[in-house]
Amino acid sequence: MDTLQKTVTSKDGTTIAFEQSGAGSAIIFVNPALADRTGSTKIAKMLAAQFTVINYDRRGRGKSTDTAPYAIEREVEDIEALIDSAGTSAFLFGSSSGAVLALEAANRLGSKVQGLFMYEPPFIVDNSQPPILDDFSQQIAEMVSNNRRSDAVKHFFGKGMGIPPIFVTLMRWLMPGWSKMVNVADTLLYDLTVMSGTQTGKPLPTGRWTSMTAPTLVMVGSKSEPFFHSGAQAFADLLPNVEYRSLEGASHGSVMMSPKDVAAAVGNFFLK
């Protein structure tokens, strides 16, 4: 199936690059921290048999440009421009912090979002995972401004995601995409802004997403850490139109590494 390379211009003049494939109702993929659209290539191909898939580079990544200053509203406007390029409305699929950005878009864009699928939003609502400290964003910002981008990525995975130091070291030396993540380390601050107030170890903010009406499924892999499940369940309890499910055998990396079951779940939810 042909994949078309396209761009749209967001309200602030930022160029958003994306790949479009398939036919049918549109799904926009919203990728997580440090990732560009290449991380969703496999699942995009699987869903293109049923949908028009729009897999884009978030601002500051891949072939998209960037415009300062950053605000969540600007990223929502990027998604809105992509929806408008596809028609009048679209489904949104987001993973990890990208799921929370997709949620922000669904909350702000109303009927332009037909449905929302959130895979493993990293909410921290109890003591099953250490909370993100208040000065974490400042620490990342200082590392980036001092051109310690690799240290910023290491710090994010270690202190932010709780990955043991030995595994972060292995990631640095063995992952072919490490240099790409280092190049976009400044965009970590974007995702930390999106996640602000949701990783404190306390209940989620009750008034943040009150305008969100799109049918929503929040899904967590059965092999993922307990905090993903408790956060997803807490979010599902927060709003009346949200359903929580566990996906047997899946983990946080399944969207990129083994997306077959995730793709099937996405297709089933949006086509029901």
Protein backbone atom coordinates (compact mmCIF):
# COMPACT_ATOMS: atom_id res chain seq x y z
CA MET A 1 0.00 0.00 0.00
CA ASP A 2 1.43 3.38 -1.02
CA THR A 3 2.69 5.74 1.67
CA LEU A 4 2.47 9.43 0.83
CA GLN A 5 4.89 11.98 2.30
CA LYS A 6 3.00 15.17 3.19
CA THR A 7 3.17 18.33 5.29
CA VAL A 8 0.70 20.71 6.90
CA THR A 9 1.28 24.15 8.37
CA SER A 10 0.14 24.68 11.95
CA LYS A 11 -1.38 27.96 13.17
CA ASP A 12 1.96 29.35 14.35
CA GLY A 13 3.69 28.55 11.05
CA THR A 14 5.34 25.31 12.13
CA THR A 15 5.63 22.71 9.38
CA ILE A 16 4.37 19.30 10.47
CA ALA A 17 5.61 16.39 8.35
CA PHE A 18 3.65 13.16 8.14
CA GLU A 19 3.14 9.92 6.25
CA GLN A 20 -0.31 8.98 5.04
CA SER A 21 -1.32 5.47 4.05
CA GLY A 22 -4.43 3.35 3.67
CA ALA A 23 -8.05 4.35 3.16
CA GLY A 24 -11.12 4.83 5.31
CA SER A 25 -11.67 6.78 8.51
CA ALA A 26 -8.55 8.66 9.63
CA ILE A 27 -6.38 7.70 12.60
CA ILE A 28 -3.69 10.11 13.76
CA PHE A 29 -0.77 8.57 15.64
CA VAL A 30 0.61 10.70 18.49
CA ASN A 31 4.04 9.41 19.44
CA PRO A 32 5.72 9.45 22.88
CA ALA A 33 8.74 11.27 24.27
CA LEU A 34 11.93 11.16 22.15
CA ALA A 35 10.15 9.34 19.32
CA ASP A 36 9.44 10.38 15.76
CA ARG A 37 7.09 8.66 13.34
CA THR A 38 9.54 5.83 12.56
CA GLY A 39 8.67 4.24 15.90
CA SER A 40 5.10 3.66 14.68
CA THR A 41 5.92 2.33 11.22
CA LYS A 42 4.96 -1.29 11.97
CA ILE A 43 1.60 -0.56 13.59
CA ALA A 44 0.82 2.02 10.91
CA LYS A 45 1.22 -0.61 8.19
CA MET A 46 -1.06 -3.00 10.06
CA LEU A 47 -3.86 -0.46 10.51
CA ALA A 48 -3.60 0.96 6.98
CA ALA A 49 -5.65 -2.02 5.78
CA GLN A 50 -8.68 -0.57 7.59
CA PHE A 51 -8.01 3.14 8.07
CA THR A 52 -6.34 6.19 6.61
CA VAL A 53 -3.31 6.33 8.88
CA ILE A 54 -1.60 9.66 9.54
CA ASN A 55 1.74 9.08 11.24
CA TYR A 56 3.43 12.40 11.96
CA ASP A 57 6.60 13.88 13.43
CA ARG A 58 5.73 15.97 16.44
CA ARG A 59 7.20 19.49 16.34
CA GLY A 60 10.94 19.56 16.86
CA ARG A 61 11.39 15.97 15.65
CA GLY A 62 12.10 14.23 12.37
CA LYS A 63 11.20 16.39 9.41
CA SER A 64 8.88 18.74 11.30
CA THR A 65 10.07 22.20 12.25
CA ASP A 66 9.61 23.98 15.58
CA THR A 67 8.58 27.41 16.80
CA ALA A 68 9.25 28.89 20.25
CA PRO A 69 7.87 29.29 22.81
CA TYR A 70 6.44 25.86 23.51
CA ALA A 71 2.89 25.36 24.78
CA ILE A 72 0.57 22.36 24.86
CA GLU A 73 -1.88 24.46 22.84
CA ARG A 74 0.61 24.58 19.94
CA GLU A 75 0.82 20.77 19.81
CA VAL A 76 -2.97 20.54 19.91
CA GLU A 77 -3.06 22.97 16.98
CA ASP A 78 -0.67 20.65 15.13
CA ILE A 79 -3.11 17.77 15.61
CA GLU A 80 -6.01 19.97 14.56
CA ALA A 81 -4.17 20.87 11.33
CA LEU A 82 -3.68 17.17 10.63
CA ILE A 83 -7.37 16.45 11.28
CA ASP A 84 -8.37 19.27 8.93
CA SER A 85 -6.06 17.87 6.24
CA ALA A 86 -7.83 14.52 6.50
CA GLY A 87 -11.42 15.81 6.59
CA THR A 88 -13.69 16.96 9.38
CA SER A 89 -12.77 14.51 12.13
CA ALA A 90 -10.39 11.68 13.04
CA PHE A 91 -9.59 9.04 15.62
CA LEU A 92 -6.53 9.57 17.82
CA PHE A 93 -4.09 6.88 18.95
CA GLY A 94 -1.40 7.85 21.43
CA SER A 95 1.15 5.85 23.41
CA SER A 96 2.90 6.75 26.68
CA SER A 97 3.15 10.55 27.02
CA GLY A 98 1.77 10.81 23.48
CA ALA A 99 -1.44 9.30 24.84
CA VAL A 100 -1.79 12.21 27.25
CA LEU A 101 -1.14 14.72 24.46
CA ALA A 102 -3.84 12.96 22.42
CA LEU A 103 -6.11 13.28 25.46
CA GLU A 104 -5.41 17.02 25.62
CA ALA A 105 -6.36 17.27 21.94
CA ALA A 106 -9.57 15.31 22.45
CA ASN A 107 -10.47 17.55 25.38
CA ARG A 108 -9.93 20.75 23.39
CA LEU A 109 -11.11 19.79 19.90
CA GLY A 110 -14.57 18.41 20.69
CA SER A 111 -16.34 16.69 17.80
CA LYS A 112 -13.22 16.79 15.63
CA VAL A 113 -12.06 13.74 17.63
CA GLN A 114 -14.26 10.69 16.96
CA GLY A 115 -12.57 8.42 19.44
CA LEU A 116 -9.40 8.08 21.50
CA PHE A 117 -7.18 5.07 22.17
CA MET A 118 -4.60 5.62 24.91
CA TYR A 119 -1.87 2.98 25.25
CA GLU A 120 -0.10 3.07 28.62
CA PRO A 121 -0.27 6.72 29.68
CA PRO A 122 2.42 7.00 32.41
CA PHE A 123 0.19 8.40 35.13
CA ILE A 124 1.60 8.00 38.65
CA VAL A 125 -1.27 8.14 41.14
CA ASP A 126 -0.04 6.06 44.10
CA ASN A 127 3.12 4.64 45.69
CA SER A 128 3.59 1.88 43.10
CA GLN A 129 6.12 4.14 41.32
CA PRO A 130 8.27 7.00 42.67
CA PRO A 131 6.71 10.34 41.67
CA ILE A 132 8.43 12.79 39.33
CA LEU A 133 10.04 15.47 41.50
CA ASP A 134 9.13 19.11 41.08
CA ASP A 135 12.62 20.09 39.87
CA PHE A 136 12.94 17.28 37.32
CA SER A 137 12.09 19.51 34.34
CA GLN A 138 14.63 22.06 35.53
CA GLN A 139 17.29 19.37 35.74
CA ILE A 140 16.57 18.28 32.16
CA ALA A 141 16.55 21.89 30.95
CA GLU A 142 19.94 22.60 32.52
CA MET A 143 21.49 19.51 30.95
CA VAL A 144 20.15 20.43 27.51
CA SER A 145 21.25 24.06 27.80
CA ASN A 146 24.75 22.91 28.78
CA ASN A 147 24.85 20.60 25.72
CA ARG A 148 24.70 17.50 27.92
CA ARG A 149 21.97 15.99 25.77
CA SER A 150 23.00 12.39 26.25
CA ASP A 151 23.01 12.93 30.02
CA ALA A 152 19.50 14.41 29.73
CA VAL A 153 18.26 11.28 27.95
CA LYS A 154 19.95 9.03 30.51
CA HIS A 155 18.44 11.08 33.34
CA PHE A 156 14.99 10.84 31.78
CA PHE A 157 15.11 7.06 31.46
CA GLY A 158 16.76 6.56 34.86
CA LYS A 159 15.07 9.03 37.20
CA GLY A 160 12.00 9.73 35.10
CA MET A 161 11.06 6.23 34.00
CA GLY A 162 12.77 4.30 36.79
CA ILE A 163 14.93 2.13 34.52
CA PRO A 164 17.94 0.72 36.47
CA PRO A 165 21.31 2.35 35.57
CA ILE A 166 22.78 -0.84 34.09
CA PHE A 167 19.90 -1.10 31.61
CA VAL A 168 20.14 2.59 30.70
CA THR A 169 23.84 2.02 29.96
CA LEU A 170 22.99 -0.96 27.77
CA MET A 171 20.40 1.14 25.94
CA ARG A 172 23.02 3.82 25.30
CA TRP A 173 25.49 1.42 23.73
CA LEU A 174 23.18 -1.07 22.05
CA MET A 175 20.19 0.95 20.82
CA PRO A 176 20.72 2.17 17.24
CA GLY A 177 18.32 5.04 17.89
CA TRP A 178 20.17 6.52 20.87
CA SER A 179 21.82 9.28 18.83
CA LYS A 180 18.44 10.22 17.35
CA MET A 181 17.00 10.58 20.85
CA VAL A 182 19.96 12.70 21.91
CA ASN A 183 19.32 15.02 18.96
CA VAL A 184 15.78 15.74 20.17
CA ALA A 185 16.54 15.80 23.90
CA ASP A 186 15.23 19.38 24.09
CA THR A 187 11.74 18.07 23.30
CA LEU A 188 11.74 16.13 26.58
CA LEU A 189 10.58 19.38 28.13
CA TYR A 190 7.52 19.28 25.86
CA ASP A 191 6.45 15.88 27.16
CA LEU A 192 7.19 16.85 30.76
CA THR A 193 4.92 19.86 30.25
CA VAL A 194 2.17 17.60 28.88
CA MET A 195 2.55 15.25 31.86
CA SER A 196 2.71 18.01 34.47
CA GLY A 197 0.46 17.31 37.45
CA THR A 198 -0.20 13.68 36.52
CA GLN A 199 2.90 11.96 37.96
CA THR A 200 2.83 13.19 41.53
CA GLY A 201 1.78 9.97 43.27
CA LYS A 202 -1.53 11.67 44.07
CA PRO A 203 -4.98 11.47 42.41
CA LEU A 204 -5.29 12.88 38.90
CA PRO A 205 -6.59 16.46 38.58
CA THR A 206 -10.39 16.29 38.46
CA GLY A 207 -10.99 19.44 36.41
CA ARG A 208 -8.42 19.07 33.66
CA TRP A 209 -10.30 17.05 31.02
CA THR A 210 -13.94 17.88 31.76
CA SER A 211 -14.69 18.83 28.13
CA MET A 212 -13.58 15.45 26.79
CA THR A 213 -16.54 13.57 25.30
CA ALA A 214 -14.89 11.20 22.77
CA PRO A 215 -15.33 7.47 23.49
CA THR A 216 -12.01 6.42 25.00
CA LEU A 217 -10.19 3.18 25.68
CA VAL A 218 -7.13 3.22 27.92
CA MET A 219 -5.14 0.00 27.58
CA VAL A 220 -2.14 -1.39 29.46
CA GLY A 221 -0.07 -4.46 28.69
CA SER A 222 -0.37 -7.28 31.24
CA LYS A 223 3.44 -7.42 31.52
CA SER A 224 3.81 -3.72 32.28
CA GLU A 225 4.63 -2.28 35.71
CA PRO A 226 1.75 -1.97 38.21
CA PHE A 227 1.77 1.84 38.15
CA PHE A 228 0.62 1.85 34.52
CA HIS A 229 -2.42 -0.20 35.52
CA SER A 230 -3.30 1.80 38.62
CA GLY A 231 -2.95 5.06 36.68
CA ALA A 232 -5.12 3.82 33.82
CA GLN A 233 -7.78 2.55 36.20
CA ALA A 234 -7.77 5.87 38.06
CA PHE A 235 -8.21 7.73 34.79
CA ALA A 236 -11.06 5.45 33.70
CA ASP A 237 -12.78 6.13 37.03
CA LEU A 238 -12.41 9.88 36.50
CA LEU A 239 -14.57 10.24 33.37
CA PRO A 240 -17.80 8.47 32.35
CA ASN A 241 -16.79 7.73 28.74
CA VAL A 242 -13.48 5.98 29.45
CA GLU A 243 -12.94 2.21 29.55
CA TYR A 244 -9.84 0.46 30.93
CA ARG A 245 -8.54 -2.88 29.63
CA SER A 246 -5.42 -5.00 30.08
CA LEU A 247 -3.84 -6.54 26.97
CA GLU A 248 -2.56 -10.05 27.65
CA GLY A 249 1.14 -10.56 26.94
CA ALA A 250 1.85 -6.95 25.99
CA SER A 251 4.32 -4.49 27.52
CA HIS A 252 5.24 -0.82 27.26
CA GLY A 253 7.38 -1.45 24.18
CA SER A 254 4.75 -3.43 22.27
CA VAL A 255 3.67 -0.54 20.03
CA MET A 256 7.14 -0.43 18.52
CA MET A 257 8.43 -3.98 18.91
CA SER A 258 5.41 -6.33 18.62
CA PRO A 259 2.33 -4.30 17.70
CA LYS A 260 0.09 -7.00 16.22
CA ASP A 261 -2.21 -7.36 19.24
CA VAL A 262 -2.22 -3.61 19.91
CA ALA A 263 -3.20 -2.93 16.29
CA ALA A 264 -6.02 -5.47 16.54
CA ALA A 265 -7.31 -3.83 19.72
CA VAL A 266 -7.18 -0.37 18.11
CA GLY A 267 -9.06 -1.56 15.03
CA ASN A 268 -11.70 -3.36 17.07
CA PHE A 269 -12.34 -0.34 19.28
CA PHE A 270 -12.60 2.23 16.52
CA LEU A 271 -14.71 0.02 14.24
CA LYS A 272 -17.16 -1.22 16.87
